Amino acid sequence: MPRGPEPPTRANPAGLTDRQVEILRLLVAGRTIAEIAAKLVLSVRTVDHHVSAVLQKLGVTSRREVARAAARSGCCEVAATAAPGPVPGIAGYGSSWAG
């Protein structure tokens, strides 16, 4: 049985999984954690975990830095177009996670 990351994860410059890229795109679009959970039919806690993993892989500590870091790393084409401005929907995103 092969070990290690799946091919799409290895191909991603930041080492993000397909699910993490999907969540990153929604974060960059300004979606709250609760909105992402509802859209992807996941628990808020699961999305919270994915967001933490994305932040770690991008080397940032807050949601405010996500779009710029994603654009710099080239891991998500949506992020590159959204990077110049602030990420909307930072405050009150429906979770206990503070970023």
PDB file of N, CA and C in Angstrom:
ATOM      1  N   MET A   1       0.847  -1.179   0.000  1.00  0.00           N
ATOM      2  CA  MET A   1       0.000   0.000   0.000  1.00  0.00           C
ATOM      3  C   MET A   1       0.893   1.243   0.000  1.00  0.00           C
ATOM      4  N   PRO A   2       0.685   2.157  -0.969  1.00  0.00           N
ATOM      5  CA  PRO A   2       1.501   3.368  -1.042  1.00  0.00           C
ATOM      6  C   PRO A   2       1.294   4.254   0.188  1.00  0.00           C
ATOM      7  N   ARG A   3       2.343   4.926   0.586  1.00  0.00           N
ATOM      8  CA  ARG A   3       2.271   5.827   1.727  1.00  0.00           C
ATOM      9  C   ARG A   3       2.614   7.239   1.274  1.00  0.00           C
ATOM     10  N   GLY A   4       2.242   8.194   2.082  1.00  0.00           N
ATOM     11  CA  GLY A   4       2.539   9.586   1.770  1.00  0.00           C
ATOM     12  C   GLY A   4       1.346  10.281   1.144  1.00  0.00           C
ATOM     13  N   PRO A   5       1.546  11.551   0.803  1.00  0.00           N
ATOM     14  CA  PRO A   5       0.452  12.344   0.244  1.00  0.00           C
ATOM     15  C   PRO A   5      -0.018  11.828  -1.114  1.00  0.00           C
ATOM     16  N   GLU A   6      -1.286  12.061  -1.397  1.00  0.00           N
ATOM     17  CA  GLU A   6      -1.877  11.740  -2.695  1.00  0.00           C
ATOM     18  C   GLU A   6      -1.239  12.631  -3.760  1.00  0.00           C
ATOM     19  N   PRO A   7      -1.271  12.219  -5.034  1.00  0.00           N
ATOM     20  CA  PRO A   7      -0.669  13.027  -6.107  1.00  0.00           C
ATOM     21  C   PRO A   7      -1.129  14.494  -6.142  1.00  0.00           C
ATOM     22  N   PRO A   8      -2.448  14.805  -5.980  1.00  0.00           N
ATOM     23  CA  PRO A   8      -2.835  16.222  -6.003  1.00  0.00           C
ATOM     24  C   PRO A   8      -2.199  17.022  -4.863  1.00  0.00           C
ATOM     25  N   THR A   9      -2.034  16.380  -3.714  1.00  0.00           N
ATOM     26  CA  THR A   9      -1.422  17.055  -2.574  1.00  0.00           C
ATOM     27  C   THR A   9       0.055  17.302  -2.847  1.00  0.00           C
ATOM     28  N   ARG A  10       0.730  16.315  -3.422  1.00  0.00           N
ATOM     29  CA  ARG A  10       2.150  16.488  -3.761  1.00  0.00           C
ATOM     30  C   ARG A  10       2.327  17.577  -4.809  1.00  0.00           C
ATOM     31  N   ALA A  11       1.369  17.706  -5.716  1.00  0.00           N
ATOM     32  CA  ALA A  11       1.456  18.698  -6.786  1.00  0.00           C
ATOM     33  C   ALA A  11       1.161  20.116  -6.299  1.00  0.00           C
ATOM     34  N   ASN A  12       0.480  20.259  -5.177  1.00  0.00           N
ATOM     35  CA  ASN A  12       0.131  21.583  -4.671  1.00  0.00           C
ATOM     36  C   ASN A  12       1.368  22.238  -4.056  1.00  0.00           C
ATOM     37  N   PRO A  13       1.701  23.471  -4.463  1.00  0.00           N
ATOM     38  CA  PRO A  13       2.911  24.127  -3.949  1.00  0.00           C
ATOM     39  C   PRO A  13       2.965  24.240  -2.423  1.00  0.00           C
ATOM     40  N   ALA A  14       1.818  24.352  -1.771  1.00  0.00           N
ATOM     41  CA  ALA A  14       1.794  24.468  -0.311  1.00  0.00           C
ATOM     42  C   ALA A  14       1.525  23.126   0.359  1.00  0.00           C
ATOM     43  N   GLY A  15       1.362  22.063  -0.432  1.00  0.00           N
ATOM     44  CA  GLY A  15       1.085  20.750   0.128  1.00  0.00           C
ATOM     45  C   GLY A  15      -0.331  20.603   0.661  1.00  0.00           C
ATOM     46  N   LEU A  16      -1.265  21.378   0.094  1.00  0.00           N
ATOM     47  CA  LEU A  16      -2.657  21.312   0.536  1.00  0.00           C
ATOM     48  C   LEU A  16      -3.381  20.150  -0.132  1.00  0.00           C
ATOM     49  N   THR A  17      -4.272  19.512   0.627  1.00  0.00           N
ATOM     50  CA  THR A  17      -5.123  18.476   0.068  1.00  0.00           C
ATOM     51  C   THR A  17      -6.217  19.138  -0.776  1.00  0.00           C
ATOM     52  N   ASP A  18      -6.927  18.339  -1.559  1.00  0.00           N
ATOM     53  CA  ASP A  18      -8.032  18.880  -2.353  1.00  0.00           C
ATOM     54  C   ASP A  18      -9.070  19.549  -1.446  1.00  0.00           C
ATOM     55  N   ARG A  19      -9.374  18.939  -0.316  1.00  0.00           N
ATOM     56  CA  ARG A  19     -10.362  19.507   0.610  1.00  0.00           C
ATOM     57  C   ARG A  19      -9.850  20.824   1.187  1.00  0.00           C
ATOM     58  N   GLN A  20      -8.573  20.889   1.514  1.00  0.00           N
ATOM     59  CA  GLN A  20      -8.008  22.119   2.062  1.00  0.00           C
ATOM     60  C   GLN A  20      -8.027  23.242   1.029  1.00  0.00           C
ATOM     61  N   VAL A  21      -7.790  22.918  -0.241  1.00  0.00           N
ATOM     62  CA  VAL A  21      -7.873  23.923  -1.306  1.00  0.00           C
ATOM     63  C   VAL A  21      -9.311  24.419  -1.421  1.00  0.00           C
ATOM     64  N   GLU A  22     -10.261  23.505  -1.350  1.00  0.00           N
ATOM     65  CA  GLU A  22     -11.675  23.883  -1.418  1.00  0.00           C
ATOM     66  C   GLU A  22     -12.029  24.833  -0.271  1.00  0.00           C
ATOM     67  N   ILE A  23     -11.571  24.523   0.915  1.00  0.00           N
ATOM     68  CA  ILE A  23     -11.832  25.368   2.080  1.00  0.00           C
ATOM     69  C   ILE A  23     -11.097  26.692   1.950  1.00  0.00           C
ATOM     70  N   LEU A  24      -9.877  26.671   1.444  1.00  0.00           N
ATOM     71  CA  LEU A  24      -9.119  27.905   1.230  1.00  0.00           C
ATOM     72  C   LEU A  24      -9.870  28.832   0.277  1.00  0.00           C
ATOM     73  N   ARG A  25     -10.384  28.298  -0.813  1.00  0.00           N
ATOM     74  CA  ARG A  25     -11.131  29.124  -1.772  1.00  0.00           C
ATOM     75  C   ARG A  25     -12.335  29.784  -1.111  1.00  0.00           C
ATOM     76  N   LEU A  26     -13.021  29.039  -0.268  1.00  0.00           N
ATOM     77  CA  LEU A  26     -14.185  29.594   0.423  1.00  0.00           C
ATOM     78  C   LEU A  26     -13.766  30.635   1.462  1.00  0.00           C
ATOM     79  N   LEU A  27     -12.643  30.421   2.134  1.00  0.00           N
ATOM     80  CA  LEU A  27     -12.115  31.418   3.072  1.00  0.00           C
ATOM     81  C   LEU A  27     -11.786  32.715   2.347  1.00  0.00           C
ATOM     82  N   VAL A  28     -11.100  32.586   1.230  1.00  0.00           N
ATOM     83  CA  VAL A  28     -10.704  33.757   0.451  1.00  0.00           C
ATOM     84  C   VAL A  28     -11.938  34.495  -0.068  1.00  0.00           C
ATOM     85  N   ALA A  29     -12.995  33.750  -0.355  1.00  0.00           N
ATOM     86  CA  ALA A  29     -14.246  34.359  -0.818  1.00  0.00           C
ATOM     87  C   ALA A  29     -15.001  35.039   0.312  1.00  0.00           C
ATOM     88  N   GLY A  30     -14.481  34.937   1.542  1.00  0.00           N
ATOM     89  CA  GLY A  30     -15.105  35.615   2.671  1.00  0.00           C
ATOM     90  C   GLY A  30     -16.125  34.794   3.428  1.00  0.00           C
ATOM     91  N   ARG A  31     -16.204  33.504   3.141  1.00  0.00           N
ATOM     92  CA  ARG A  31     -17.167  32.655   3.840  1.00  0.00           C
ATOM     93  C   ARG A  31     -16.743  32.439   5.291  1.00  0.00           C
ATOM     94  N   THR A  32     -17.708  32.360   6.167  1.00  0.00           N
ATOM     95  CA  THR A  32     -17.440  32.057   7.570  1.00  0.00           C
ATOM     96  C   THR A  32     -17.243  30.550   7.729  1.00  0.00           C
ATOM     97  N   ILE A  33     -16.693  30.164   8.854  1.00  0.00           N
ATOM     98  CA  ILE A  33     -16.504  28.735   9.111  1.00  0.00           C
ATOM     99  C   ILE A  33     -17.853  28.025   9.125  1.00  0.00           C
ATOM    100  N   ALA A  34     -18.850  28.647   9.717  1.00  0.00           N
ATOM    101  CA  ALA A  34     -20.189  28.050   9.752  1.00  0.00           C
ATOM    102  C   ALA A  34     -20.765  27.909   8.338  1.00  0.00           C
ATOM    103  N   GLU A  35     -20.552  28.911   7.494  1.00  0.00           N
ATOM    104  CA  GLU A  35     -21.034  28.839   6.108  1.00  0.00           C
ATOM    105  C   GLU A  35     -20.313  27.748   5.327  1.00  0.00           C
ATOM    106  N   ILE A  36     -19.010  27.636   5.545  1.00  0.00           N
ATOM    107  CA  ILE A  36     -18.244  26.591   4.863  1.00  0.00           C
ATOM    108  C   ILE A  36     -18.746  25.218   5.304  1.00  0.00           C
ATOM    109  N   ALA A  37     -18.965  25.051   6.599  1.00  0.00           N
ATOM    110  CA  ALA A  37     -19.453  23.773   7.130  1.00  0.00           C
ATOM    111  C   ALA A  37     -20.796  23.407   6.498  1.00  0.00           C
ATOM    112  N   ALA A  38     -21.688  24.371   6.408  1.00  0.00           N
ATOM    113  CA  ALA A  38     -23.004  24.108   5.827  1.00  0.00           C
ATOM    114  C   ALA A  38     -22.885  23.763   4.337  1.00  0.00           C
ATOM    115  N   LYS A  39     -22.074  24.518   3.608  1.00  0.00           N
ATOM    116  CA  LYS A  39     -21.929  24.293   2.166  1.00  0.00           C
ATOM    117  C   LYS A  39     -21.334  22.921   1.868  1.00  0.00           C
ATOM    118  N   LEU A  40     -20.328  22.502   2.666  1.00  0.00           N
ATOM    119  CA  LEU A  40     -19.639  21.243   2.408  1.00  0.00           C
ATOM    120  C   LEU A  40     -20.216  20.067   3.197  1.00  0.00           C
ATOM    121  N   VAL A  41     -21.279  20.322   3.952  1.00  0.00           N
ATOM    122  CA  VAL A  41     -21.934  19.320   4.792  1.00  0.00           C
ATOM    123  C   VAL A  41     -20.901  18.660   5.723  1.00  0.00           C
ATOM    124  N   LEU A  42     -20.201  19.515   6.455  1.00  0.00           N
ATOM    125  CA  LEU A  42     -19.224  19.093   7.451  1.00  0.00           C
ATOM    126  C   LEU A  42     -19.570  19.754   8.773  1.00  0.00           C
ATOM    127  N   SER A  43     -19.014  19.248   9.848  1.00  0.00           N
ATOM    128  CA  SER A  43     -19.224  19.908  11.134  1.00  0.00           C
ATOM    129  C   SER A  43     -18.330  21.145  11.206  1.00  0.00           C
ATOM    130  N   VAL A  44     -18.732  22.103  12.022  1.00  0.00           N
ATOM    131  CA  VAL A  44     -17.929  23.303  12.244  1.00  0.00           C
ATOM    132  C   VAL A  44     -16.560  22.906  12.780  1.00  0.00           C
ATOM    133  N   ARG A  45     -16.536  21.914  13.648  1.00  0.00           N
ATOM    134  CA  ARG A  45     -15.265  21.459  14.221  1.00  0.00           C
ATOM    135  C   ARG A  45     -14.328  20.906  13.139  1.00  0.00           C
ATOM    136  N   THR A  46     -14.865  20.155  12.195  1.00  0.00           N
ATOM    137  CA  THR A  46     -14.054  19.616  11.101  1.00  0.00           C
ATOM    138  C   THR A  46     -13.494  20.741  10.238  1.00  0.00           C
ATOM    139  N   VAL A  47     -14.327  21.718   9.909  1.00  0.00           N
ATOM    140  CA  VAL A  47     -13.866  22.853   9.115  1.00  0.00           C
ATOM    141  C   VAL A  47     -12.807  23.624   9.890  1.00  0.00           C
ATOM    142  N   ASP A  48     -13.028  23.812  11.183  1.00  0.00           N
ATOM    143  CA  ASP A  48     -12.054  24.474  12.044  1.00  0.00           C
ATOM    144  C   ASP A  48     -10.689  23.775  11.950  1.00  0.00           C
ATOM    145  N   HIS A  49     -10.720  22.453  11.979  1.00  0.00           N
ATOM    146  CA  HIS A  49      -9.489  21.670  11.865  1.00  0.00           C
ATOM    147  C   HIS A  49      -8.813  21.909  10.517  1.00  0.00           C
ATOM    148  N   HIS A  50      -9.590  21.893   9.442  1.00  0.00           N
ATOM    149  CA  HIS A  50      -9.039  22.138   8.103  1.00  0.00           C
ATOM    150  C   HIS A  50      -8.454  23.548   8.002  1.00  0.00           C
ATOM    151  N   VAL A  51      -9.153  24.535   8.553  1.00  0.00           N
ATOM    152  CA  VAL A  51      -8.652  25.912   8.522  1.00  0.00           C
ATOM    153  C   VAL A  51      -7.318  25.997   9.254  1.00  0.00           C
ATOM    154  N   SER A  52      -7.215  25.357  10.402  1.00  0.00           N
ATOM    155  CA  SER A  52      -5.953  25.355  11.152  1.00  0.00           C
ATOM    156  C   SER A  52      -4.829  24.732  10.333  1.00  0.00           C
ATOM    157  N   ALA A  53      -5.129  23.641   9.640  1.00  0.00           N
ATOM    158  CA  ALA A  53      -4.124  22.970   8.802  1.00  0.00           C
ATOM    159  C   ALA A  53      -3.699  23.867   7.644  1.00  0.00           C
ATOM    160  N   VAL A  54      -4.652  24.561   7.037  1.00  0.00           N
ATOM    161  CA  VAL A  54      -4.344  25.477   5.930  1.00  0.00           C
ATOM    162  C   VAL A  54      -3.433  26.599   6.424  1.00  0.00           C
ATOM    163  N   LEU A  55      -3.783  27.192   7.564  1.00  0.00           N
ATOM    164  CA  LEU A  55      -2.964  28.267   8.115  1.00  0.00           C
ATOM    165  C   LEU A  55      -1.542  27.782   8.384  1.00  0.00           C
ATOM    166  N   GLN A  56      -1.437  26.598   8.961  1.00  0.00           N
ATOM    167  CA  GLN A  56      -0.117  26.053   9.268  1.00  0.00           C
ATOM    168  C   GLN A  56       0.695  25.817   7.992  1.00  0.00           C
ATOM    169  N   LYS A  57       0.066  25.208   6.995  1.00  0.00           N
ATOM    170  CA  LYS A  57       0.783  24.909   5.750  1.00  0.00           C
ATOM    171  C   LYS A  57       1.184  26.179   5.000  1.00  0.00           C
ATOM    172  N   LEU A  58       0.395  27.229   5.141  1.00  0.00           N
ATOM    173  CA  LEU A  58       0.731  28.496   4.487  1.00  0.00           C
ATOM    174  C   LEU A  58       1.672  29.346   5.330  1.00  0.00           C
ATOM    175  N   GLY A  59       1.905  28.924   6.567  1.00  0.00           N
ATOM    176  CA  GLY A  59       2.824  29.648   7.438  1.00  0.00           C
ATOM    177  C   GLY A  59       2.283  30.966   7.945  1.00  0.00           C
ATOM    178  N   VAL A  60       0.971  31.024   8.161  1.00  0.00           N
ATOM    179  CA  VAL A  60       0.346  32.241   8.677  1.00  0.00           C
ATOM    180  C   VAL A  60      -0.379  31.929   9.976  1.00  0.00           C
ATOM    181  N   THR A  61      -0.712  32.978  10.713  1.00  0.00           N
ATOM    182  CA  THR A  61      -1.356  32.769  12.005  1.00  0.00           C
ATOM    183  C   THR A  61      -2.781  33.293  12.070  1.00  0.00           C
ATOM    184  N   SER A  62      -3.238  33.952  11.010  1.00  0.00           N
ATOM    185  CA  SER A  62      -4.610  34.469  11.043  1.00  0.00           C
ATOM    186  C   SER A  62      -5.253  34.388   9.670  1.00  0.00           C
ATOM    187  N   ARG A  63      -6.572  34.452   9.682  1.00  0.00           N
ATOM    188  CA  ARG A  63      -7.328  34.452   8.419  1.00  0.00           C
ATOM    189  C   ARG A  63      -7.009  35.682   7.589  1.00  0.00           C
ATOM    190  N   ARG A  64      -6.625  36.766   8.250  1.00  0.00           N
ATOM    191  CA  ARG A  64      -6.304  38.002   7.527  1.00  0.00           C
ATOM    192  C   ARG A  64      -5.147  37.800   6.555  1.00  0.00           C
ATOM    193  N   GLU A  65      -4.258  36.889   6.857  1.00  0.00           N
ATOM    194  CA  GLU A  65      -3.068  36.672   6.046  1.00  0.00           C
ATOM    195  C   GLU A  65      -3.253  35.602   4.962  1.00  0.00           C
ATOM    196  N   VAL A  66      -4.355  34.891   4.997  1.00  0.00           N
ATOM    197  CA  VAL A  66      -4.555  33.724   4.134  1.00  0.00           C
ATOM    198  C   VAL A  66      -4.475  34.048   2.645  1.00  0.00           C
ATOM    199  N   ALA A  67      -5.206  35.049   2.183  1.00  0.00           N
ATOM    200  CA  ALA A  67      -5.258  35.335   0.737  1.00  0.00           C
ATOM    201  C   ALA A  67      -3.885  35.698   0.195  1.00  0.00           C
ATOM    202  N   ARG A  68      -3.177  36.550   0.916  1.00  0.00           N
ATOM    203  CA  ARG A  68      -1.847  36.940   0.433  1.00  0.00           C
ATOM    204  C   ARG A  68      -0.895  35.762   0.413  1.00  0.00           C
ATOM    205  N   ALA A  69      -0.919  34.954   1.465  1.00  0.00           N
ATOM    206  CA  ALA A  69      -0.025  33.790   1.536  1.00  0.00           C
ATOM    207  C   ALA A  69      -0.358  32.781   0.446  1.00  0.00           C
ATOM    208  N   ALA A  70      -1.638  32.578   0.183  1.00  0.00           N
ATOM    209  CA  ALA A  70      -2.041  31.642  -0.864  1.00  0.00           C
ATOM    210  C   ALA A  70      -1.580  32.139  -2.230  1.00  0.00           C
ATOM    211  N   ALA A  71      -1.698  33.436  -2.463  1.00  0.00           N
ATOM    212  CA  ALA A  71      -1.255  34.001  -3.732  1.00  0.00           C
ATOM    213  C   ALA A  71       0.259  33.864  -3.886  1.00  0.00           C
ATOM    214  N   ARG A  72       0.993  34.131  -2.809  1.00  0.00           N
ATOM    215  CA  ARG A  72       2.453  34.000  -2.862  1.00  0.00           C
ATOM    216  C   ARG A  72       2.886  32.576  -3.150  1.00  0.00           C
ATOM    217  N   SER A  73       2.197  31.599  -2.549  1.00  0.00           N
ATOM    218  CA  SER A  73       2.600  30.202  -2.711  1.00  0.00           C
ATOM    219  C   SER A  73       2.116  29.610  -4.032  1.00  0.00           C
ATOM    220  N   GLY A  74       1.103  30.241  -4.651  1.00  0.00           N
ATOM    221  CA  GLY A  74       0.568  29.743  -5.906  1.00  0.00           C
ATOM    222  C   GLY A  74      -0.283  28.495  -5.742  1.00  0.00           C
ATOM    223  N   CYS A  75      -0.816  28.273  -4.538  1.00  0.00           N
ATOM    224  CA  CYS A  75      -1.550  27.035  -4.279  1.00  0.00           C
ATOM    225  C   CYS A  75      -3.018  27.095  -4.662  1.00  0.00           C
ATOM    226  N   CYS A  76      -3.509  28.272  -5.027  1.00  0.00           N
ATOM    227  CA  CYS A  76      -4.943  28.393  -5.312  1.00  0.00           C
ATOM    228  C   CYS A  76      -5.164  29.574  -6.243  1.00  0.00           C
ATOM    229  N   GLU A  77      -5.683  29.327  -7.439  1.00  0.00           N
ATOM    230  CA  GLU A  77      -5.852  30.411  -8.401  1.00  0.00           C
ATOM    231  C   GLU A  77      -6.857  31.451  -7.955  1.00  0.00           C
ATOM    232  N   VAL A  78      -7.853  31.084  -7.161  1.00  0.00           N
ATOM    233  CA  VAL A  78      -8.830  32.048  -6.666  1.00  0.00           C
ATOM    234  C   VAL A  78      -8.142  33.031  -5.731  1.00  0.00           C
ATOM    235  N   ALA A  79      -7.226  32.535  -4.917  1.00  0.00           N
ATOM    236  CA  ALA A  79      -6.523  33.394  -3.964  1.00  0.00           C
ATOM    237  C   ALA A  79      -5.713  34.463  -4.669  1.00  0.00           C
ATOM    238  N   ALA A  80      -5.139  34.124  -5.798  1.00  0.00           N
ATOM    239  CA  ALA A  80      -4.301  35.083  -6.509  1.00  0.00           C
ATOM    240  C   ALA A  80      -5.108  36.289  -6.963  1.00  0.00           C
ATOM    241  N   THR A  81      -6.371  36.083  -7.306  1.00  0.00           N
ATOM    242  CA  THR A  81      -7.177  37.203  -7.759  1.00  0.00           C
ATOM    243  C   THR A  81      -7.729  38.003  -6.600  1.00  0.00           C
ATOM    244  N   ALA A  82      -7.825  37.395  -5.421  1.00  0.00           N
ATOM    245  CA  ALA A  82      -8.409  38.077  -4.271  1.00  0.00           C
ATOM    246  C   ALA A  82      -7.362  38.686  -3.347  1.00  0.00           C
ATOM    247  N   ALA A  83      -6.098  38.402  -3.566  1.00  0.00           N
ATOM    248  CA  ALA A  83      -5.048  38.776  -2.628  1.00  0.00           C
ATOM    249  C   ALA A  83      -4.848  40.265  -2.389  1.00  0.00           C
ATOM    250  N   PRO A  84      -4.997  41.175  -3.370  1.00  0.00           N
ATOM    251  CA  PRO A  84      -4.649  42.564  -3.111  1.00  0.00           C
ATOM    252  C   PRO A  84      -5.441  43.235  -1.995  1.00  0.00           C
ATOM    253  N   GLY A  85      -6.692  42.916  -1.849  1.00  0.00           N
ATOM    254  CA  GLY A  85      -7.504  43.570  -0.827  1.00  0.00           C
ATOM    255  C   GLY A  85      -7.627  42.739   0.421  1.00  0.00           C
ATOM    256  N   PRO A  86      -8.301  43.283   1.425  1.00  0.00           N
ATOM    257  CA  PRO A  86      -8.517  42.526   2.660  1.00  0.00           C
ATOM    258  C   PRO A  86      -9.495  41.385   2.421  1.00  0.00           C
ATOM    259  N   VAL A  87      -9.419  40.379   3.261  1.00  0.00           N
ATOM    260  CA  VAL A  87     -10.339  39.255   3.170  1.00  0.00           C
ATOM    261  C   VAL A  87     -11.620  39.656   3.879  1.00  0.00           C
ATOM    262  N   PRO A  88     -12.748  39.687   3.163  1.00  0.00           N
ATOM    263  CA  PRO A  88     -14.007  40.094   3.800  1.00  0.00           C
ATOM    264  C   PRO A  88     -14.503  39.024   4.769  1.00  0.00           C
ATOM    265  N   GLY A  89     -15.337  39.439   5.703  1.00  0.00           N
ATOM    266  CA  GLY A  89     -15.978  38.486   6.604  1.00  0.00           C
ATOM    267  C   GLY A  89     -15.061  37.938   7.680  1.00  0.00           C
ATOM    268  N   ILE A  90     -14.028  38.678   8.071  1.00  0.00           N
ATOM    269  CA  ILE A  90     -13.120  38.189   9.087  1.00  0.00           C
ATOM    270  C   ILE A  90     -13.810  38.143  10.444  1.00  0.00           C
ATOM    271  N   ALA A  91     -14.447  39.216  10.833  1.00  0.00           N
ATOM    272  CA  ALA A  91     -15.048  39.277  12.153  1.00  0.00           C
ATOM    273  C   ALA A  91     -16.338  38.468  12.202  1.00  0.00           C
ATOM    274  N   GLY A  92     -16.564  37.785  13.304  1.00  0.00           N
ATOM    275  CA  GLY A  92     -17.813  37.083  13.534  1.00  0.00           C
ATOM    276  C   GLY A  92     -18.102  35.991  12.535  1.00  0.00           C
ATOM    277  N   TYR A  93     -17.187  35.092  12.328  1.00  0.00           N
ATOM    278  CA  TYR A  93     -17.397  34.093  11.297  1.00  0.00           C
ATOM    279  C   TYR A  93     -18.045  32.824  11.805  1.00  0.00           C
ATOM    280  N   GLY A  94     -18.693  32.858  12.976  1.00  0.00           N
ATOM    281  CA  GLY A  94     -19.535  31.760  13.401  1.00  0.00           C
ATOM    282  C   GLY A  94     -18.811  30.586  14.041  1.00  0.00           C
ATOM    283  N   SER A  95     -17.685  30.842  14.662  1.00  0.00           N
ATOM    284  CA  SER A  95     -16.950  29.776  15.319  1.00  0.00           C
ATOM    285  C   SER A  95     -16.219  30.339  16.518  1.00  0.00           C
ATOM    286  N   SER A  96     -15.819  29.449  17.410  1.00  0.00           N
ATOM    287  CA  SER A  96     -15.060  29.886  18.560  1.00  0.00           C
ATOM    288  C   SER A  96     -13.595  30.104  18.205  1.00  0.00           C
ATOM    289  N   TRP A  97     -13.182  29.673  17.009  1.00  0.00           N
ATOM    290  CA  TRP A  97     -11.792  29.825  16.593  1.00  0.00           C
ATOM    291  C   TRP A  97     -11.519  31.285  16.306  1.00  0.00           C
ATOM    292  N   ALA A  98     -10.506  31.838  16.940  1.00  0.00           N
ATOM    293  CA  ALA A  98     -10.169  33.241  16.733  1.00  0.00           C
ATOM    294  C   ALA A  98      -8.940  33.343  15.870  1.00  0.00           C
ATOM    295  N   GLY A  99      -9.025  34.039  14.801  1.00  0.00           N
ATOM    296  CA  GLY A  99      -7.889  34.192  13.926  1.00  0.00           C
ATOM    297  C   GLY A  99      -7.862  35.529  13.412  1.00  0.00           C
TER     298      GLY A  99
END
